Amino acid sequence: MDVLSESRLSTELQELYLQNKEWMSHVSFLEDENRFFQKLFGQKLFIIGKSHTTRQINLISESLASLYERTVKLKNLIIKHQHLLEDILKDAEHTIGLNLIEEHATITAEVQELLLADRLMKSKLFMMVEGN
């Protein structure tokens, strides 16, 4: 590979690495926020239970737990991807395949889906807490 191509590849890999770090920041925040909402929801359960059915409460509780599981799984995938990118950046002889781009695209889609699911969950939770 010529010097220009190696330099361009290194720059692109660094961009992927920085994007991966940004994902980690988002997912770590969602993980902490979800734990907070679960705790808050549990503390306000008696008040919420006065105006909502057990089924409604269970659905929100299960959704919070499911969202947390998805967040943890995605965080682990991002960590694994970050280590792969670090290895590639450190080792110039490391071969890069199409699977790296596919994995990156998959994680991008999953982060976007998780952020959307989180917004929807917060909306439902806020509506429930406000008594609507």
Protein backbone atom coordinates (compact mmCIF):
# COMPACT_ATOMS: atom_id res chain seq x y z
CA MET A 1 0.00 0.00 0.00
CA ASP A 2 1.39 3.43 -0.81
CA VAL A 3 1.96 6.12 1.83
CA LEU A 4 -1.06 8.20 0.78
CA SER A 5 -3.40 5.23 1.04
CA GLU A 6 -1.98 4.22 4.42
CA SER A 7 -2.40 7.76 5.71
CA ARG A 8 -5.99 7.96 4.46
CA LEU A 9 -6.80 4.56 5.96
CA SER A 10 -5.26 5.57 9.28
CA THR A 11 -7.37 8.75 9.32
CA GLU A 12 -10.53 6.79 8.54
CA LEU A 13 -9.74 4.25 11.25
CA GLN A 14 -9.19 7.07 13.74
CA GLU A 15 -12.59 8.51 12.77
CA LEU A 16 -14.19 5.11 13.37
CA TYR A 17 -12.43 4.93 16.72
CA LEU A 18 -13.69 8.39 17.73
CA GLN A 19 -17.21 7.52 16.66
CA ASN A 20 -16.95 4.33 18.72
CA LYS A 21 -15.92 6.40 21.76
CA GLU A 22 -18.94 8.65 21.20
CA TRP A 23 -21.20 5.60 21.08
CA MET A 24 -19.71 4.42 24.35
CA SER A 25 -20.48 7.77 25.92
CA HIS A 26 -24.12 7.63 24.75
CA VAL A 27 -24.62 4.03 25.80
CA SER A 28 -22.99 4.53 29.21
CA PHE A 29 -25.28 7.50 29.80
CA LEU A 30 -28.33 5.45 28.79
CA GLU A 31 -27.22 2.64 31.10
CA ASP A 32 -26.92 5.02 34.09
CA GLU A 33 -30.15 6.79 33.21
CA ASN A 34 -32.03 3.52 32.92
CA ARG A 35 -30.87 2.41 36.36
CA PHE A 36 -32.05 5.77 37.72
CA PHE A 37 -35.46 5.42 36.06
CA GLN A 38 -35.87 1.86 37.34
CA LYS A 39 -35.08 3.01 40.87
CA LEU A 40 -37.36 6.03 40.59
CA PHE A 41 -40.15 3.95 39.07
CA GLY A 42 -39.84 1.46 41.94
CA GLN A 43 -39.99 4.24 44.52
CA LYS A 44 -43.09 5.80 42.93
CA LEU A 45 -44.83 2.48 42.27
CA PHE A 46 -47.37 2.92 45.04
CA ILE A 47 -48.46 6.31 43.71
CA ILE A 48 -48.43 5.11 40.09
CA GLY A 49 -50.42 2.02 41.08
CA LYS A 50 -53.33 4.14 42.24
CA SER A 51 -54.10 5.35 38.72
CA HIS A 52 -52.74 2.53 36.52
CA THR A 53 -53.45 -1.16 36.15
CA THR A 54 -51.05 -3.86 37.16
CA ARG A 55 -50.71 -4.76 33.49
CA GLN A 56 -49.66 -1.20 32.57
CA ILE A 57 -47.14 -1.12 35.38
CA ASN A 58 -45.73 -4.53 34.45
CA LEU A 59 -45.37 -3.49 30.80
CA ILE A 60 -43.36 -0.42 31.74
CA SER A 61 -41.28 -2.36 34.24
CA GLU A 62 -40.53 -5.10 31.69
CA SER A 63 -39.74 -2.51 29.03
CA LEU A 64 -37.28 -0.77 31.35
CA ALA A 65 -35.59 -4.09 32.11
CA SER A 66 -35.48 -5.05 28.42
CA LEU A 67 -34.04 -1.68 27.46
CA TYR A 68 -31.37 -2.07 30.13
CA GLU A 69 -30.43 -5.52 28.80
CA ARG A 70 -30.15 -4.17 25.26
CA THR A 71 -27.99 -1.32 26.53
CA VAL A 72 -25.59 -3.66 28.34
CA LYS A 73 -25.30 -5.96 25.31
CA LEU A 74 -24.64 -3.02 23.02
CA LYS A 75 -22.07 -1.61 25.41
CA ASN A 76 -20.20 -4.93 25.37
CA LEU A 77 -20.30 -4.99 21.57
CA ILE A 78 -18.94 -1.44 21.43
CA ILE A 79 -16.13 -2.34 23.83
CA LYS A 80 -15.20 -5.32 21.66
CA HIS A 81 -15.31 -3.16 18.53
CA GLN A 82 -13.18 -0.50 20.22
CA HIS A 83 -10.51 -3.07 21.12
CA LEU A 84 -10.49 -4.29 17.52
CA LEU A 85 -10.00 -0.74 16.26
CA GLU A 86 -7.22 -0.17 18.80
CA ASP A 87 -5.46 -3.34 17.65
CA ILE A 88 -5.71 -2.27 14.02
CA LEU A 89 -4.40 1.22 14.77
CA LYS A 90 -1.46 -0.19 16.75
CA ASP A 91 -0.52 -2.91 14.26
CA ALA A 92 0.14 -1.67 10.73
CA GLU A 93 0.29 -5.27 9.50
CA HIS A 94 -3.22 -6.05 10.77
CA THR A 95 -5.51 -6.91 7.88
CA ILE A 96 -8.79 -5.07 7.56
CA GLY A 97 -11.74 -6.84 6.06
CA LEU A 98 -15.21 -5.92 4.99
CA ASN A 99 -16.47 -7.37 8.27
CA LEU A 100 -15.07 -4.31 10.09
CA ILE A 101 -17.27 -1.97 8.03
CA GLU A 102 -20.27 -4.30 8.38
CA GLU A 103 -19.83 -4.51 12.15
CA HIS A 104 -19.49 -0.73 12.34
CA ALA A 105 -22.70 -0.26 10.33
CA THR A 106 -24.51 -2.78 12.53
CA ILE A 107 -23.45 -0.98 15.69
CA THR A 108 -24.47 2.37 14.19
CA ALA A 109 -27.95 1.02 13.47
CA GLU A 110 -28.24 -0.55 16.92
CA VAL A 111 -27.20 2.67 18.66
CA GLN A 112 -29.82 4.60 16.69
CA GLU A 113 -32.49 2.00 17.49
CA LEU A 114 -31.56 2.06 21.17
CA LEU A 115 -31.74 5.85 21.32
CA LEU A 116 -35.19 5.75 19.70
CA ALA A 117 -36.39 3.01 22.07
CA ASP A 118 -35.08 5.04 25.00
CA ARG A 119 -37.01 8.15 23.89
CA LEU A 120 -40.20 6.14 23.47
CA MET A 121 -39.75 4.53 26.88
CA LYS A 122 -39.19 7.89 28.57
CA SER A 123 -42.29 9.26 26.88
CA LYS A 124 -44.41 6.36 28.17
CA LEU A 125 -42.87 6.58 31.62
CA PHE A 126 -43.43 10.33 31.88
CA MET A 127 -47.03 9.95 30.73
CA MET A 128 -47.60 7.29 33.37
CA VAL A 129 -45.98 9.29 36.14
CA GLU A 130 -47.93 12.42 35.17
CA GLY A 131 -51.12 10.37 35.41
CA ASN A 132 -52.22 10.39 31.74
